[in-house]
Amino acid sequence: MDGVWHPEAPAAAGELSALREAAPSVLPLSYFAQLESSDGGEGSLAIQPCWVSFWPARDVLHLNREYGVGEYLEGFFGFGSNGAGELLAFDLRGPSPPPIVMVPFIGMAPAEAVVVATSFEAFRLAIGA
Protein backbone atom coordinates (compact mmCIF):
# COMPACT_ATOMS: atom_id res chain seq x y z
CA MET A 1 0.00 0.00 0.00
CA ASP A 2 1.39 3.39 -0.98
CA GLY A 3 1.30 6.12 1.64
CA VAL A 4 0.52 9.79 1.29
CA TRP A 5 2.47 12.88 2.26
CA HIS A 6 1.07 16.42 2.05
CA PRO A 7 4.05 18.75 2.50
CA GLU A 8 3.88 22.45 3.23
CA ALA A 9 6.20 25.17 1.97
CA PRO A 10 9.63 25.33 3.68
CA ALA A 11 9.84 27.16 7.01
CA ALA A 12 10.73 30.83 6.86
CA ALA A 13 14.36 31.39 7.86
CA GLY A 14 13.42 33.74 10.72
CA GLU A 15 10.86 31.35 12.20
CA LEU A 16 13.27 28.44 12.00
CA SER A 17 16.04 30.50 13.58
CA ALA A 18 13.75 31.58 16.44
CA LEU A 19 12.78 27.95 17.07
CA ARG A 20 16.43 26.81 17.06
CA GLU A 21 17.29 29.46 19.66
CA ALA A 22 14.40 28.70 22.02
CA ALA A 23 14.04 24.91 21.66
CA PRO A 24 16.11 22.40 23.62
CA SER A 25 19.63 22.27 22.20
CA VAL A 26 19.58 18.46 22.00
CA LEU A 27 16.97 18.31 19.24
CA PRO A 28 18.39 16.46 16.23
CA LEU A 29 19.46 18.39 13.14
CA SER A 30 17.20 16.11 11.09
CA TYR A 31 14.16 17.68 12.81
CA PHE A 32 15.18 21.12 11.61
CA ALA A 33 15.94 19.67 8.16
CA GLN A 34 12.36 18.37 8.08
CA LEU A 35 11.03 21.87 8.80
CA GLU A 36 13.39 23.33 6.20
CA SER A 37 11.83 21.08 3.57
CA SER A 38 8.22 21.15 4.84
CA ASP A 39 7.07 23.55 7.54
CA GLY A 40 4.26 21.44 8.86
CA GLY A 41 2.66 18.91 6.59
CA GLU A 42 0.90 15.67 7.27
CA GLY A 43 0.71 12.16 5.99
CA SER A 44 0.81 8.49 6.61
CA LEU A 45 3.43 6.62 8.61
CA ALA A 46 4.62 3.05 8.16
CA ILE A 47 4.66 2.79 11.99
CA GLN A 48 2.16 3.50 14.76
CA PRO A 49 0.35 5.89 15.07
CA CYS A 50 0.07 5.57 11.25
CA TRP A 51 -0.40 9.35 10.69
CA VAL A 52 1.68 12.43 11.48
CA SER A 53 0.70 16.08 11.49
CA PHE A 54 3.78 18.27 12.04
CA TRP A 55 3.41 21.61 13.77
CA PRO A 56 4.81 24.55 11.78
CA ALA A 57 8.00 26.11 13.19
CA ARG A 58 6.15 29.31 14.15
CA ASP A 59 3.70 27.31 16.32
CA VAL A 60 5.91 24.69 18.01
CA LEU A 61 6.85 26.65 21.13
CA HIS A 62 3.35 28.08 21.56
CA LEU A 63 1.71 24.65 21.23
CA ASN A 64 4.14 23.09 23.72
CA ARG A 65 3.07 25.77 26.21
CA GLU A 66 -0.63 25.56 25.26
CA TYR A 67 -0.78 21.80 25.77
CA GLY A 68 1.26 22.00 28.98
CA VAL A 69 4.01 19.73 27.70
CA GLY A 70 6.57 21.21 30.11
CA GLU A 71 4.14 20.92 33.01
CA TYR A 72 2.76 17.42 32.40
CA LEU A 73 5.66 15.91 30.45
CA GLU A 74 8.86 17.29 31.93
CA GLY A 75 11.76 16.28 29.69
CA PHE A 76 9.63 15.96 26.54
CA PHE A 77 9.28 18.32 23.57
CA GLY A 78 6.27 18.09 21.26
CA PHE A 79 6.51 18.55 17.50
CA GLY A 80 3.12 17.37 16.23
CA SER A 81 0.27 14.94 16.63
CA ASN A 82 -1.33 11.96 15.01
CA GLY A 83 -4.12 14.27 13.85
CA ALA A 84 -6.36 12.97 16.62
CA GLY A 85 -5.81 12.46 20.35
CA GLU A 86 -2.09 11.85 20.66
CA LEU A 87 0.94 14.09 20.93
CA LEU A 88 4.14 13.20 19.07
CA ALA A 89 7.22 14.26 20.98
CA PHE A 90 10.93 13.85 21.59
CA ASP A 91 11.71 12.10 24.88
CA LEU A 92 14.73 14.12 26.03
CA ARG A 93 15.17 12.37 29.38
CA GLY A 94 17.70 9.79 28.21
CA PRO A 95 20.69 9.46 25.94
CA SER A 96 20.98 10.94 22.48
CA PRO A 97 19.43 10.56 19.98
CA PRO A 98 16.10 11.09 21.70
CA PRO A 99 13.40 8.56 20.84
CA ILE A 100 10.07 9.64 19.37
CA VAL A 101 7.06 8.90 21.55
CA MET A 102 3.31 9.30 21.38
CA VAL A 103 1.35 10.36 24.45
CA PRO A 104 -2.42 10.83 24.82
CA PHE A 105 -3.40 14.50 25.07
CA ILE A 106 -5.94 13.52 27.74
CA GLY A 107 -4.20 11.90 30.65
CA MET A 108 -0.86 13.32 29.49
CA ALA A 109 1.81 11.73 31.69
CA PRO A 110 5.32 10.32 31.16
CA ALA A 111 4.09 6.83 32.11
CA GLU A 112 1.73 6.93 29.11
CA ALA A 113 4.53 7.56 26.58
CA VAL A 114 4.94 4.84 23.97
CA VAL A 115 8.11 4.76 21.87
CA VAL A 116 7.25 4.77 18.15
CA ALA A 117 10.77 5.28 16.76
CA THR A 118 14.27 5.07 18.23
CA SER A 119 15.26 8.38 16.60
CA PHE A 120 13.84 11.18 14.50
CA GLU A 121 15.80 9.82 11.54
CA ALA A 122 13.97 6.48 11.85
CA PHE A 123 10.66 8.31 12.27
CA ARG A 124 11.33 10.43 9.20
CA LEU A 125 12.00 7.34 7.07
CA ALA A 126 8.48 6.11 7.87
CA ILE A 127 6.76 9.25 6.54
CA GLY A 128 4.65 8.69 3.46
CA ALA A 129 5.48 5.00 3.44
C-alpha atoms as a PDB file:
ATOM      1  CA  MET A   1       0.000   0.000   0.000  1.00  0.00           C
ATOM      2  CA  ASP A   2       1.394   3.393  -0.979  1.00  0.00           C
ATOM      3  CA  GLY A   3       1.305   6.121   1.639  1.00  0.00           C
ATOM      4  CA  VAL A   4       0.522   9.791   1.291  1.00  0.00           C
ATOM      5  CA  TRP A   5       2.465  12.877   2.262  1.00  0.00           C
ATOM      6  CA  HIS A   6       1.070  16.416   2.053  1.00  0.00           C
ATOM      7  CA  PRO A   7       4.048  18.752   2.503  1.00  0.00           C
ATOM      8  CA  GLU A   8       3.880  22.447   3.231  1.00  0.00           C
ATOM      9  CA  ALA A   9       6.205  25.165   1.967  1.00  0.00           C
ATOM     10  CA  PRO A  10       9.633  25.332   3.681  1.00  0.00           C
ATOM     11  CA  ALA A  11       9.843  27.158   7.010  1.00  0.00           C
ATOM     12  CA  ALA A  12      10.732  30.831   6.864  1.00  0.00           C
ATOM     13  CA  ALA A  13      14.364  31.389   7.865  1.00  0.00           C
ATOM     14  CA  GLY A  14      13.421  33.742  10.722  1.00  0.00           C
ATOM     15  CA  GLU A  15      10.858  31.349  12.197  1.00  0.00           C
ATOM     16  CA  LEU A  16      13.268  28.436  11.998  1.00  0.00           C
ATOM     17  CA  SER A  17      16.044  30.505  13.579  1.00  0.00           C
ATOM     18  CA  ALA A  18      13.748  31.580  16.441  1.00  0.00           C
ATOM     19  CA  LEU A  19      12.782  27.953  17.071  1.00  0.00           C
ATOM     20  CA  ARG A  20      16.425  26.807  17.061  1.00  0.00           C
ATOM     21  CA  GLU A  21      17.293  29.461  19.659  1.00  0.00           C
ATOM     22  CA  ALA A  22      14.397  28.703  22.017  1.00  0.00           C
ATOM     23  CA  ALA A  23      14.036  24.912  21.661  1.00  0.00           C
ATOM     24  CA  PRO A  24      16.113  22.403  23.620  1.00  0.00           C
ATOM     25  CA  SER A  25      19.629  22.268  22.198  1.00  0.00           C
ATOM     26  CA  VAL A  26      19.584  18.465  21.997  1.00  0.00           C
ATOM     27  CA  LEU A  27      16.966  18.309  19.237  1.00  0.00           C
ATOM     28  CA  PRO A  28      18.389  16.461  16.227  1.00  0.00           C
ATOM     29  CA  LEU A  29      19.460  18.387  13.142  1.00  0.00           C
ATOM     30  CA  SER A  30      17.199  16.109  11.088  1.00  0.00           C
ATOM     31  CA  TYR A  31      14.161  17.681  12.807  1.00  0.00           C
ATOM     32  CA  PHE A  32      15.177  21.119  11.608  1.00  0.00           C
ATOM     33  CA  ALA A  33      15.939  19.665   8.160  1.00  0.00           C
ATOM     34  CA  GLN A  34      12.359  18.368   8.077  1.00  0.00           C
ATOM     35  CA  LEU A  35      11.029  21.865   8.795  1.00  0.00           C
ATOM     36  CA  GLU A  36      13.386  23.327   6.204  1.00  0.00           C
ATOM     37  CA  SER A  37      11.832  21.084   3.573  1.00  0.00           C
ATOM     38  CA  SER A  38       8.218  21.150   4.836  1.00  0.00           C
ATOM     39  CA  ASP A  39       7.074  23.555   7.542  1.00  0.00           C
ATOM     40  CA  GLY A  40       4.255  21.441   8.858  1.00  0.00           C
ATOM     41  CA  GLY A  41       2.662  18.905   6.588  1.00  0.00           C
ATOM     42  CA  GLU A  42       0.896  15.671   7.273  1.00  0.00           C
ATOM     43  CA  GLY A  43       0.708  12.159   5.986  1.00  0.00           C
ATOM     44  CA  SER A  44       0.808   8.485   6.610  1.00  0.00           C
ATOM     45  CA  LEU A  45       3.426   6.616   8.605  1.00  0.00           C
ATOM     46  CA  ALA A  46       4.625   3.054   8.165  1.00  0.00           C
ATOM     47  CA  ILE A  47       4.659   2.790  11.988  1.00  0.00           C
ATOM     48  CA  GLN A  48       2.163   3.498  14.758  1.00  0.00           C
ATOM     49  CA  PRO A  49       0.347   5.889  15.075  1.00  0.00           C
ATOM     50  CA  CYS A  50       0.066   5.569  11.255  1.00  0.00           C
ATOM     51  CA  TRP A  51      -0.398   9.349  10.690  1.00  0.00           C
ATOM     52  CA  VAL A  52       1.684  12.431  11.478  1.00  0.00           C
ATOM     53  CA  SER A  53       0.703  16.085  11.488  1.00  0.00           C
ATOM     54  CA  PHE A  54       3.779  18.273  12.037  1.00  0.00           C
ATOM     55  CA  TRP A  55       3.406  21.613  13.772  1.00  0.00           C
ATOM     56  CA  PRO A  56       4.813  24.551  11.778  1.00  0.00           C
ATOM     57  CA  ALA A  57       8.000  26.114  13.189  1.00  0.00           C
ATOM     58  CA  ARG A  58       6.151  29.309  14.151  1.00  0.00           C
ATOM     59  CA  ASP A  59       3.698  27.306  16.321  1.00  0.00           C
ATOM     60  CA  VAL A  60       5.912  24.688  18.007  1.00  0.00           C
ATOM     61  CA  LEU A  61       6.855  26.651  21.131  1.00  0.00           C
ATOM     62  CA  HIS A  62       3.353  28.082  21.558  1.00  0.00           C
ATOM     63  CA  LEU A  63       1.712  24.654  21.233  1.00  0.00           C
ATOM     64  CA  ASN A  64       4.142  23.086  23.722  1.00  0.00           C
ATOM     65  CA  ARG A  65       3.069  25.772  26.210  1.00  0.00           C
ATOM     66  CA  GLU A  66      -0.635  25.564  25.264  1.00  0.00           C
ATOM     67  CA  TYR A  67      -0.781  21.796  25.766  1.00  0.00           C
ATOM     68  CA  GLY A  68       1.255  22.001  28.984  1.00  0.00           C
ATOM     69  CA  VAL A  69       4.014  19.725  27.703  1.00  0.00           C
ATOM     70  CA  GLY A  70       6.570  21.214  30.112  1.00  0.00           C
ATOM     71  CA  GLU A  71       4.137  20.919  33.012  1.00  0.00           C
ATOM     72  CA  TYR A  72       2.756  17.423  32.405  1.00  0.00           C
ATOM     73  CA  LEU A  73       5.663  15.906  30.454  1.00  0.00           C
ATOM     74  CA  GLU A  74       8.859  17.288  31.931  1.00  0.00           C
ATOM     75  CA  GLY A  75      11.757  16.281  29.695  1.00  0.00           C
ATOM     76  CA  PHE A  76       9.635  15.960  26.545  1.00  0.00           C
ATOM     77  CA  PHE A  77       9.284  18.321  23.566  1.00  0.00           C
ATOM     78  CA  GLY A  78       6.269  18.089  21.260  1.00  0.00           C
ATOM     79  CA  PHE A  79       6.507  18.552  17.499  1.00  0.00           C
ATOM     80  CA  GLY A  80       3.121  17.372  16.229  1.00  0.00           C
ATOM     81  CA  SER A  81       0.271  14.938  16.633  1.00  0.00           C
ATOM     82  CA  ASN A  82      -1.329  11.960  15.006  1.00  0.00           C
ATOM     83  CA  GLY A  83      -4.122  14.268  13.847  1.00  0.00           C
ATOM     84  CA  ALA A  84      -6.355  12.965  16.618  1.00  0.00           C
ATOM     85  CA  GLY A  85      -5.809  12.463  20.346  1.00  0.00           C
ATOM     86  CA  GLU A  86      -2.089  11.849  20.663  1.00  0.00           C
ATOM     87  CA  LEU A  87       0.937  14.088  20.928  1.00  0.00           C
ATOM     88  CA  LEU A  88       4.141  13.200  19.071  1.00  0.00           C
ATOM     89  CA  ALA A  89       7.223  14.264  20.984  1.00  0.00           C
ATOM     90  CA  PHE A  90      10.929  13.850  21.591  1.00  0.00           C
ATOM     91  CA  ASP A  91      11.705  12.101  24.883  1.00  0.00           C
ATOM     92  CA  LEU A  92      14.728  14.124  26.030  1.00  0.00           C
ATOM     93  CA  ARG A  93      15.168  12.367  29.379  1.00  0.00           C
ATOM     94  CA  GLY A  94      17.698   9.793  28.207  1.00  0.00           C
ATOM     95  CA  PRO A  95      20.691   9.463  25.936  1.00  0.00           C
ATOM     96  CA  SER A  96      20.977  10.941  22.484  1.00  0.00           C
ATOM     97  CA  PRO A  97      19.431  10.560  19.985  1.00  0.00           C
ATOM     98  CA  PRO A  98      16.099  11.095  21.704  1.00  0.00           C
ATOM     99  CA  PRO A  99      13.398   8.563  20.842  1.00  0.00           C
ATOM    100  CA  ILE A 100      10.074   9.637  19.372  1.00  0.00           C
ATOM    101  CA  VAL A 101       7.058   8.901  21.546  1.00  0.00           C
ATOM    102  CA  MET A 102       3.308   9.296  21.376  1.00  0.00           C
ATOM    103  CA  VAL A 103       1.350  10.363  24.451  1.00  0.00           C
ATOM    104  CA  PRO A 104      -2.418  10.833  24.822  1.00  0.00           C
ATOM    105  CA  PHE A 105      -3.404  14.504  25.075  1.00  0.00           C
ATOM    106  CA  ILE A 106      -5.941  13.522  27.741  1.00  0.00           C
ATOM    107  CA  GLY A 107      -4.196  11.899  30.654  1.00  0.00           C
ATOM    108  CA  MET A 108      -0.860  13.320  29.493  1.00  0.00           C
ATOM    109  CA  ALA A 109       1.812  11.729  31.693  1.00  0.00           C
ATOM    110  CA  PRO A 110       5.316  10.322  31.161  1.00  0.00           C
ATOM    111  CA  ALA A 111       4.090   6.831  32.106  1.00  0.00           C
ATOM    112  CA  GLU A 112       1.725   6.925  29.109  1.00  0.00           C
ATOM    113  CA  ALA A 113       4.527   7.564  26.579  1.00  0.00           C
ATOM    114  CA  VAL A 114       4.937   4.836  23.966  1.00  0.00           C
ATOM    115  CA  VAL A 115       8.110   4.759  21.867  1.00  0.00           C
ATOM    116  CA  VAL A 116       7.251   4.769  18.146  1.00  0.00           C
ATOM    117  CA  ALA A 117      10.769   5.281  16.756  1.00  0.00           C
ATOM    118  CA  THR A 118      14.266   5.074  18.226  1.00  0.00           C
ATOM    119  CA  SER A 119      15.265   8.375  16.605  1.00  0.00           C
ATOM    120  CA  PHE A 120      13.836  11.179  14.503  1.00  0.00           C
ATOM    121  CA  GLU A 121      15.798   9.822  11.543  1.00  0.00           C
ATOM    122  CA  ALA A 122      13.969   6.479  11.853  1.00  0.00           C
ATOM    123  CA  PHE A 123      10.664   8.311  12.272  1.00  0.00           C
ATOM    124  CA  ARG A 124      11.334  10.431   9.200  1.00  0.00           C
ATOM    125  CA  LEU A 125      12.001   7.342   7.071  1.00  0.00           C
ATOM    126  CA  ALA A 126       8.483   6.107   7.871  1.00  0.00           C
ATOM    127  CA  ILE A 127       6.761   9.252   6.542  1.00  0.00           C
ATOM    128  CA  GLY A 128       4.650   8.689   3.462  1.00  0.00           C
ATOM    129  CA  ALA A 129       5.482   4.996   3.440  1.00  0.00           C
END
